[in-house]
Protein backbone atom coordinates (compact mmCIF):
# COMPACT_ATOMS: atom_id res chain seq x y z
CA UNK A 1 -7.38 36.78 19.54
CA UNK A 2 -7.46 37.84 15.90
CA UNK A 3 -5.04 36.33 13.46
CA UNK A 4 -4.17 38.13 10.28
CA UNK A 5 -4.12 36.35 6.96
CA UNK A 6 -0.35 36.82 6.87
CA UNK A 7 0.04 35.18 10.32
CA UNK A 8 -2.21 32.26 9.31
CA UNK A 9 -0.29 31.72 6.08
CA UNK A 10 3.01 31.90 7.94
CA UNK A 11 1.86 29.34 10.51
CA UNK A 12 0.49 27.11 7.75
CA UNK A 13 3.77 27.23 5.84
CA UNK A 14 5.74 26.45 9.00
CA UNK A 15 3.48 23.46 9.72
CA UNK A 16 3.71 22.20 6.12
CA UNK A 17 7.49 22.52 6.26
CA UNK A 18 7.66 20.56 9.52
CA UNK A 19 5.38 17.84 8.15
CA UNK A 20 7.32 17.51 4.90
CA UNK A 21 10.57 17.19 6.89
CA UNK A 22 9.03 14.41 8.96
CA UNK A 23 7.84 12.54 5.87
CA UNK A 24 11.16 13.04 4.06
CA UNK A 25 13.13 11.54 6.95
CA UNK A 26 10.72 8.61 7.49
CA UNK A 27 12.50 6.78 4.69
CA UNK A 28 15.37 8.19 2.72
CA UNK A 29 14.55 8.32 -0.98
CA UNK A 30 17.52 6.04 -1.64
CA UNK A 31 16.07 3.42 0.72
CA UNK A 32 12.60 3.29 -0.83
CA UNK A 33 12.12 0.58 -3.43
CA UNK A 34 12.01 -3.16 -3.94
CA UNK A 35 14.97 -5.22 -2.76
CA UNK A 36 15.82 -8.89 -3.40
CA UNK A 37 17.75 -10.90 -0.84
CA UNK A 38 21.27 -11.88 -1.93
CA UNK A 39 22.56 -13.25 1.40
CA UNK A 40 21.13 -14.21 4.78
CA UNK A 41 24.19 -15.18 6.77
CA UNK A 42 25.54 -15.04 10.27
CA UNK A 43 28.88 -13.84 11.49
CA UNK A 44 30.34 -16.32 13.98
CA UNK A 45 32.30 -15.16 17.06
CA UNK A 46 35.53 -16.33 15.37
CA UNK A 47 34.84 -14.01 12.40
CA UNK A 48 33.81 -16.77 9.98
CA UNK A 49 30.65 -16.32 7.97
CA UNK A 50 28.04 -19.09 7.64
CA UNK A 51 24.65 -19.48 5.96
CA UNK A 52 21.72 -18.70 8.21
CA UNK A 53 18.82 -19.60 5.89
CA UNK A 54 20.36 -22.47 3.94
CA UNK A 55 22.35 -22.49 0.74
CA UNK A 56 19.56 -20.91 -1.31
CA UNK A 57 17.95 -18.15 0.77
CA UNK A 58 15.29 -16.05 -0.86
CA UNK A 59 13.49 -12.94 0.19
CA UNK A 60 12.01 -9.58 -0.60
CA UNK A 61 12.05 -6.21 1.15
CA UNK A 62 9.67 -3.52 -0.08
CA UNK A 63 9.89 0.03 1.30
CA UNK A 64 7.56 2.81 0.18
CA UNK A 65 8.29 6.54 0.13
CA UNK A 66 6.66 7.02 3.57
CA UNK A 67 8.86 4.37 5.19
CA UNK A 68 6.32 1.54 5.40
CA UNK A 69 8.00 -1.79 4.75
CA UNK A 70 7.33 -5.49 4.34
CA UNK A 71 10.17 -8.00 4.68
CA UNK A 72 10.31 -11.74 4.03
CA UNK A 73 13.31 -14.07 4.30
CA UNK A 74 13.03 -17.81 3.63
CA UNK A 75 15.32 -20.81 3.60
CA UNK A 76 14.88 -21.86 -0.02
CA UNK A 77 15.41 -25.50 0.97
CA UNK A 78 12.97 -25.68 3.90
CA UNK A 79 10.97 -28.92 3.89
CA UNK A 80 7.60 -29.06 2.24
CA UNK A 81 4.67 -30.45 4.21
CA UNK A 82 4.18 -34.00 2.93
CA UNK A 83 0.41 -33.99 3.57
CA UNK A 84 -0.06 -30.73 1.69
CA UNK A 85 -2.00 -29.36 4.69
CA UNK A 86 -0.09 -27.21 7.19
CA UNK A 87 -2.59 -28.14 9.93
CA UNK A 88 -1.34 -31.75 9.77
CA UNK A 89 2.37 -30.96 9.44
CA UNK A 90 4.82 -33.05 11.45
CA UNK A 91 6.87 -31.42 14.23
CA UNK A 92 9.91 -31.46 11.91
CA UNK A 93 7.95 -29.80 9.10
CA UNK A 94 6.65 -27.15 11.51
CA UNK A 95 10.17 -26.52 12.83
CA UNK A 96 11.40 -26.06 9.26
CA UNK A 97 8.62 -23.56 8.57
CA UNK A 98 9.31 -21.55 11.73
CA UNK A 99 13.11 -21.65 11.71
CA UNK A 100 13.25 -21.34 7.93
CA UNK A 101 11.49 -18.00 7.73
CA UNK A 102 11.58 -14.48 9.07
CA UNK A 103 8.84 -12.06 8.11
CA UNK A 104 7.82 -8.71 9.51
CA UNK A 105 6.32 -5.38 8.53
CA UNK A 106 5.97 -1.89 9.94
CA UNK A 107 7.94 1.29 9.34
CA UNK A 108 11.64 1.86 8.80
CA UNK A 109 13.64 5.06 9.07
CA UNK A 110 17.26 6.09 9.04
CA UNK A 111 18.86 7.48 12.19
CA UNK A 112 21.60 9.45 10.44
CA UNK A 113 23.44 10.35 13.66
CA UNK A 114 23.78 6.69 14.69
CA UNK A 115 24.04 5.46 11.08
CA UNK A 116 21.33 2.92 11.86
CA UNK A 117 18.17 1.63 10.27
CA UNK A 118 15.31 1.80 12.74
CA UNK A 119 12.67 -0.89 12.21
CA UNK A 120 9.43 -0.31 14.12
CA UNK A 121 7.84 -3.72 13.85
CA UNK A 122 4.05 -3.86 13.79
CA UNK A 123 3.58 -7.52 12.84
CA UNK A 124 5.98 -10.46 12.62
CA UNK A 125 6.06 -14.21 12.17
CA UNK A 126 8.00 -14.21 15.47
CA UNK A 127 5.34 -12.65 17.70
CA UNK A 128 7.92 -11.52 20.30
CA UNK A 129 9.09 -8.85 17.84
CA UNK A 130 5.66 -7.22 17.47
CA UNK A 131 5.58 -3.73 18.92
CA UNK A 132 9.37 -3.53 19.17
CA UNK A 133 11.95 -1.20 17.69
CA UNK A 134 15.12 -2.70 16.25
CA UNK A 135 18.19 -0.70 15.25
CA UNK A 136 20.67 -2.09 12.76
CA UNK A 137 23.94 -0.69 11.44
CA UNK A 138 23.76 -0.57 7.66
CA UNK A 139 25.62 0.09 4.41
CA UNK A 140 23.57 1.56 1.55
CA UNK A 141 24.70 2.15 -2.02
CA UNK A 142 22.64 2.87 -5.13
CA UNK A 143 22.11 -0.87 -5.74
CA UNK A 144 22.79 -2.65 -2.45
CA UNK A 145 21.74 -2.60 1.19
CA UNK A 146 23.25 -4.65 3.98
CA UNK A 147 22.69 -4.59 7.71
CA UNK A 148 23.37 -6.65 10.78
CA UNK A 149 21.39 -7.30 13.91
CA UNK A 150 23.27 -5.60 16.77
CA UNK A 151 22.53 -8.13 19.52
CA UNK A 152 24.34 -11.44 19.17
CA UNK A 153 22.36 -14.65 19.45
CA UNK A 154 22.98 -16.99 22.41
CA UNK A 155 25.69 -18.75 20.35
CA UNK A 156 27.41 -15.38 19.79
CA UNK A 157 26.62 -15.17 16.07
CA UNK A 158 25.25 -12.03 14.44
CA UNK A 159 22.73 -12.23 11.57
CA UNK A 160 23.62 -10.30 8.41
CA UNK A 161 21.20 -9.56 5.56
CA UNK A 162 22.24 -8.34 2.12
CA UNK A 163 19.84 -7.02 -0.53
CA UNK A 164 20.04 -5.94 -4.18
CA UNK A 165 17.80 -3.17 -5.51
CA UNK A 166 15.41 -4.22 -8.25
CA UNK A 167 15.36 -1.93 -11.26
């Protein structure tokens, strides 16, 4: 089968167009950037809001133009390890480290039809999340991003994260 130059160019342009569409939808341009955590709360079944990572949560979410992300959330008041060596931490210190942090990385995209962020988690401090996909309803403005985990915890509460764009 002989392909003409025109046919090859046409096929190449079609492929380039398809690839650029895929890349463009991997992470909306408005989503890419560096975000600082402003709230890490939970919505209780009665509608009240409570702190989920202490009174002084801190965190960072970085999303590149291709949709790769890295996310860290910490309880700003989690206990320090008295010995200075995490290998000799007490059970209470270890519990504070585990329950006082949430970190993961992978890719994130927007499902416009469902108005959901889609996190494809490659690595996480909570190993059970590795290799999973998590969808979260979100609100995005020029300077803020908020989302909530769709599945309630055993106590019925729903985690909510709020972020401010760094300029």
